[in-house]
Amino acid sequence: DGHLFSLSNPSQLLIEAKLFRRELHKYKAADYDDARPSTTNPALLE
């Protein structure tokens, strides 16, 4: 019944999606902090 999970328990699916998005944003922010040079390079802001 894996394909029916979203129908049987949509709230749990939304919670997991929010948590996943939060973790993804956290990792992206960390990557940007690590990759940011001491002087901002406009070419890297695209």
PDB file of N, CA and C in Angstrom:
ATOM      1  N   ASP A   1       0.829  -1.213   0.000  1.00  0.00           N
ATOM      2  CA  ASP A   1       0.000   0.000   0.000  1.00  0.00           C
ATOM      3  C   ASP A   1       0.861   1.260   0.000  1.00  0.00           C
ATOM      4  N   GLY A   2       2.097   1.138  -0.441  1.00  0.00           N
ATOM      5  CA  GLY A   2       2.980   2.299  -0.418  1.00  0.00           C
ATOM      6  C   GLY A   2       2.466   3.432  -1.272  1.00  0.00           C
ATOM      7  N   HIS A   3       1.805   3.086  -2.400  1.00  0.00           N
ATOM      8  CA  HIS A   3       1.321   4.126  -3.306  1.00  0.00           C
ATOM      9  C   HIS A   3       0.080   4.812  -2.755  1.00  0.00           C
ATOM     10  N   LEU A   4      -0.521   4.240  -1.706  1.00  0.00           N
ATOM     11  CA  LEU A   4      -1.714   4.842  -1.105  1.00  0.00           C
ATOM     12  C   LEU A   4      -1.372   5.619   0.160  1.00  0.00           C
ATOM     13  N   PHE A   5      -0.082   5.720   0.452  1.00  0.00           N
ATOM     14  CA  PHE A   5       0.321   6.355   1.708  1.00  0.00           C
ATOM     15  C   PHE A   5      -0.177   7.788   1.794  1.00  0.00           C
ATOM     16  N   SER A   6      -0.037   8.540   0.697  1.00  0.00           N
ATOM     17  CA  SER A   6      -0.427   9.946   0.712  1.00  0.00           C
ATOM     18  C   SER A   6      -1.931  10.096   0.904  1.00  0.00           C
ATOM     19  N   LEU A   7      -2.688   9.073   0.497  1.00  0.00           N
ATOM     20  CA  LEU A   7      -4.141   9.139   0.664  1.00  0.00           C
ATOM     21  C   LEU A   7      -4.550   8.718   2.068  1.00  0.00           C
ATOM     22  N   SER A   8      -3.829   7.755   2.643  1.00  0.00           N
ATOM     23  CA  SER A   8      -4.197   7.236   3.955  1.00  0.00           C
ATOM     24  C   SER A   8      -3.717   8.147   5.080  1.00  0.00           C
ATOM     25  N   ASN A   9      -2.622   8.871   4.842  1.00  0.00           N
ATOM     26  CA  ASN A   9      -2.072   9.707   5.908  1.00  0.00           C
ATOM     27  C   ASN A   9      -1.393  10.934   5.312  1.00  0.00           C
ATOM     28  N   PRO A  10      -2.171  11.876   4.761  1.00  0.00           N
ATOM     29  CA  PRO A  10      -1.578  13.042   4.091  1.00  0.00           C
ATOM     30  C   PRO A  10      -0.823  13.954   5.052  1.00  0.00           C
ATOM     31  N   SER A  11      -1.286  14.036   6.303  1.00  0.00           N
ATOM     32  CA  SER A  11      -0.631  14.937   7.251  1.00  0.00           C
ATOM     33  C   SER A  11       0.801  14.491   7.524  1.00  0.00           C
ATOM     34  N   GLN A  12       1.002  13.185   7.651  1.00  0.00           N
ATOM     35  CA  GLN A  12       2.352  12.665   7.886  1.00  0.00           C
ATOM     36  C   GLN A  12       3.248  12.952   6.693  1.00  0.00           C
ATOM     37  N   LEU A  13       2.671  12.838   5.495  1.00  0.00           N
ATOM     38  CA  LEU A  13       3.449  13.106   4.285  1.00  0.00           C
ATOM     39  C   LEU A  13       3.875  14.569   4.243  1.00  0.00           C
ATOM     40  N   LEU A  14       2.977  15.467   4.637  1.00  0.00           N
ATOM     41  CA  LEU A  14       3.305  16.891   4.652  1.00  0.00           C
ATOM     42  C   LEU A  14       4.387  17.184   5.680  1.00  0.00           C
ATOM     43  N   ILE A  15       4.287  16.540   6.836  1.00  0.00           N
ATOM     44  CA  ILE A  15       5.293  16.752   7.882  1.00  0.00           C
ATOM     45  C   ILE A  15       6.665  16.314   7.382  1.00  0.00           C
ATOM     46  N   GLU A  16       6.708  15.146   6.744  1.00  0.00           N
ATOM     47  CA  GLU A  16       7.990  14.658   6.234  1.00  0.00           C
ATOM     48  C   GLU A  16       8.528  15.572   5.152  1.00  0.00           C
ATOM     49  N   ALA A  17       7.638  16.112   4.313  1.00  0.00           N
ATOM     50  CA  ALA A  17       8.069  17.014   3.250  1.00  0.00           C
ATOM     51  C   ALA A  17       8.657  18.287   3.839  1.00  0.00           C
ATOM     52  N   LYS A  18       8.022  18.806   4.892  1.00  0.00           N
ATOM     53  CA  LYS A  18       8.531  20.023   5.526  1.00  0.00           C
ATOM     54  C   LYS A  18       9.891  19.773   6.159  1.00  0.00           C
ATOM     55  N   LEU A  19      10.026  18.634   6.829  1.00  0.00           N
ATOM     56  CA  LEU A  19      11.299  18.309   7.460  1.00  0.00           C
ATOM     57  C   LEU A  19      12.389  18.142   6.415  1.00  0.00           C
ATOM     58  N   PHE A  20      12.051  17.471   5.305  1.00  0.00           N
ATOM     59  CA  PHE A  20      13.032  17.259   4.239  1.00  0.00           C
ATOM     60  C   PHE A  20      13.469  18.593   3.660  1.00  0.00           C
ATOM     61  N   ARG A  21      12.492  19.488   3.431  1.00  0.00           N
ATOM     62  CA  ARG A  21      12.811  20.796   2.847  1.00  0.00           C
ATOM     63  C   ARG A  21      13.682  21.601   3.802  1.00  0.00           C
ATOM     64  N   ARG A  22      13.405  21.496   5.106  1.00  0.00           N
ATOM     65  CA  ARG A  22      14.194  22.222   6.102  1.00  0.00           C
ATOM     66  C   ARG A  22      15.636  21.727   6.102  1.00  0.00           C
ATOM     67  N   GLU A  23      15.806  20.408   6.067  1.00  0.00           N
ATOM     68  CA  GLU A  23      17.153  19.840   6.044  1.00  0.00           C
ATOM     69  C   GLU A  23      17.884  20.226   4.766  1.00  0.00           C
ATOM     70  N   LEU A  24      17.160  20.195   3.638  1.00  0.00           N
ATOM     71  CA  LEU A  24      17.767  20.546   2.359  1.00  0.00           C
ATOM     72  C   LEU A  24      18.245  21.988   2.384  1.00  0.00           C
ATOM     73  N   HIS A  25      17.420  22.888   2.928  1.00  0.00           N
ATOM     74  CA  HIS A  25      17.796  24.301   3.009  1.00  0.00           C
ATOM     75  C   HIS A  25      19.005  24.472   3.919  1.00  0.00           C
ATOM     76  N   LYS A  26      19.040  23.700   5.004  1.00  0.00           N
ATOM     77  CA  LYS A  26      20.168  23.779   5.940  1.00  0.00           C
ATOM     78  C   LYS A  26      21.467  23.390   5.241  1.00  0.00           C
ATOM     79  N   TYR A  27      21.417  22.308   4.454  1.00  0.00           N
ATOM     80  CA  TYR A  27      22.614  21.855   3.752  1.00  0.00           C
ATOM     81  C   TYR A  27      23.031  22.861   2.690  1.00  0.00           C
ATOM     82  N   LYS A  28      22.057  23.442   1.985  1.00  0.00           N
ATOM     83  CA  LYS A  28      22.379  24.438   0.969  1.00  0.00           C
ATOM     84  C   LYS A  28      23.033  25.655   1.611  1.00  0.00           C
ATOM     85  N   ALA A  29      22.503  26.102   2.736  1.00  0.00           N
ATOM     86  CA  ALA A  29      23.059  27.263   3.421  1.00  0.00           C
ATOM     87  C   ALA A  29      24.492  26.970   3.857  1.00  0.00           C
ATOM     88  N   ALA A  30      24.731  25.762   4.334  1.00  0.00           N
ATOM     89  CA  ALA A  30      26.075  25.383   4.757  1.00  0.00           C
ATOM     90  C   ALA A  30      27.026  25.363   3.568  1.00  0.00           C
ATOM     91  N   ASP A  31      26.541  24.873   2.434  1.00  0.00           N
ATOM     92  CA  ASP A  31      27.377  24.838   1.236  1.00  0.00           C
ATOM     93  C   ASP A  31      27.733  26.251   0.790  1.00  0.00           C
ATOM     94  N   TYR A  32      26.762  27.156   0.850  1.00  0.00           N
ATOM     95  CA  TYR A  32      27.025  28.536   0.451  1.00  0.00           C
ATOM     96  C   TYR A  32      28.034  29.182   1.400  1.00  0.00           C
ATOM     97  N   ASP A  33      27.914  28.903   2.694  1.00  0.00           N
ATOM     98  CA  ASP A  33      28.853  29.472   3.657  1.00  0.00           C
ATOM     99  C   ASP A  33      30.265  28.960   3.391  1.00  0.00           C
ATOM    100  N   ASP A  34      30.390  27.673   3.081  1.00  0.00           N
ATOM    101  CA  ASP A  34      31.706  27.090   2.836  1.00  0.00           C
ATOM    102  C   ASP A  34      32.306  27.607   1.535  1.00  0.00           C
ATOM    103  N   ALA A  35      31.445  27.868   0.548  1.00  0.00           N
ATOM    104  CA  ALA A  35      31.933  28.238  -0.775  1.00  0.00           C
ATOM    105  C   ALA A  35      32.127  29.745  -0.915  1.00  0.00           C
ATOM    106  N   ARG A  36      31.600  30.507   0.046  1.00  0.00           N
ATOM    107  CA  ARG A  36      31.675  31.966  -0.072  1.00  0.00           C
ATOM    108  C   ARG A  36      33.119  32.440   0.088  1.00  0.00           C
ATOM    109  N   PRO A  37      33.650  33.164  -0.875  1.00  0.00           N
ATOM    110  CA  PRO A  37      35.019  33.685  -0.775  1.00  0.00           C
ATOM    111  C   PRO A  37      35.089  34.845   0.212  1.00  0.00           C
ATOM    112  N   SER A  38      36.306  35.219   0.590  1.00  0.00           N
ATOM    113  CA  SER A  38      36.472  36.312   1.546  1.00  0.00           C
ATOM    114  C   SER A  38      35.960  37.618   0.953  1.00  0.00           C
ATOM    115  N   THR A  39      36.101  37.771  -0.360  1.00  0.00           N
ATOM    116  CA  THR A  39      35.541  38.933  -1.048  1.00  0.00           C
ATOM    117  C   THR A  39      34.479  38.445  -2.015  1.00  0.00           C
ATOM    118  N   THR A  40      33.312  39.051  -1.964  1.00  0.00           N
ATOM    119  CA  THR A  40      32.193  38.575  -2.771  1.00  0.00           C
ATOM    120  C   THR A  40      32.486  38.704  -4.261  1.00  0.00           C
ATOM    121  N   ASN A  41      32.337  37.603  -4.975  1.00  0.00           N
ATOM    122  CA  ASN A  41      32.550  37.593  -6.419  1.00  0.00           C
ATOM    123  C   ASN A  41      31.194  37.597  -7.118  1.00  0.00           C
ATOM    124  N   PRO A  42      30.847  38.662  -7.844  1.00  0.00           N
ATOM    125  CA  PRO A  42      29.528  38.757  -8.488  1.00  0.00           C
ATOM    126  C   PRO A  42      29.244  37.592  -9.424  1.00  0.00           C
ATOM    127  N   ALA A  43      30.268  36.984  -9.989  1.00  0.00           N
ATOM    128  CA  ALA A  43      30.072  35.879 -10.920  1.00  0.00           C
ATOM    129  C   ALA A  43      29.517  34.646 -10.208  1.00  0.00           C
ATOM    130  N   LEU A  44      29.712  34.563  -8.883  1.00  0.00           N
ATOM    131  CA  LEU A  44      29.261  33.396  -8.132  1.00  0.00           C
ATOM    132  C   LEU A  44      27.836  33.560  -7.629  1.00  0.00           C
ATOM    133  N   LEU A  45      27.231  34.721  -7.862  1.00  0.00           N
ATOM    134  CA  LEU A  45      25.912  34.996  -7.305  1.00  0.00           C
ATOM    135  C   LEU A  45      24.793  34.626  -8.260  1.00  0.00           C
ATOM    136  N   GLU A  46      25.134  34.111  -9.427  1.00  0.00           N
ATOM    137  CA  GLU A  46      24.105  33.748 -10.394  1.00  0.00           C
ATOM    138  C   GLU A  46      23.366  32.491  -9.963  1.00  0.00           C
TER     139      GLU A  46
END
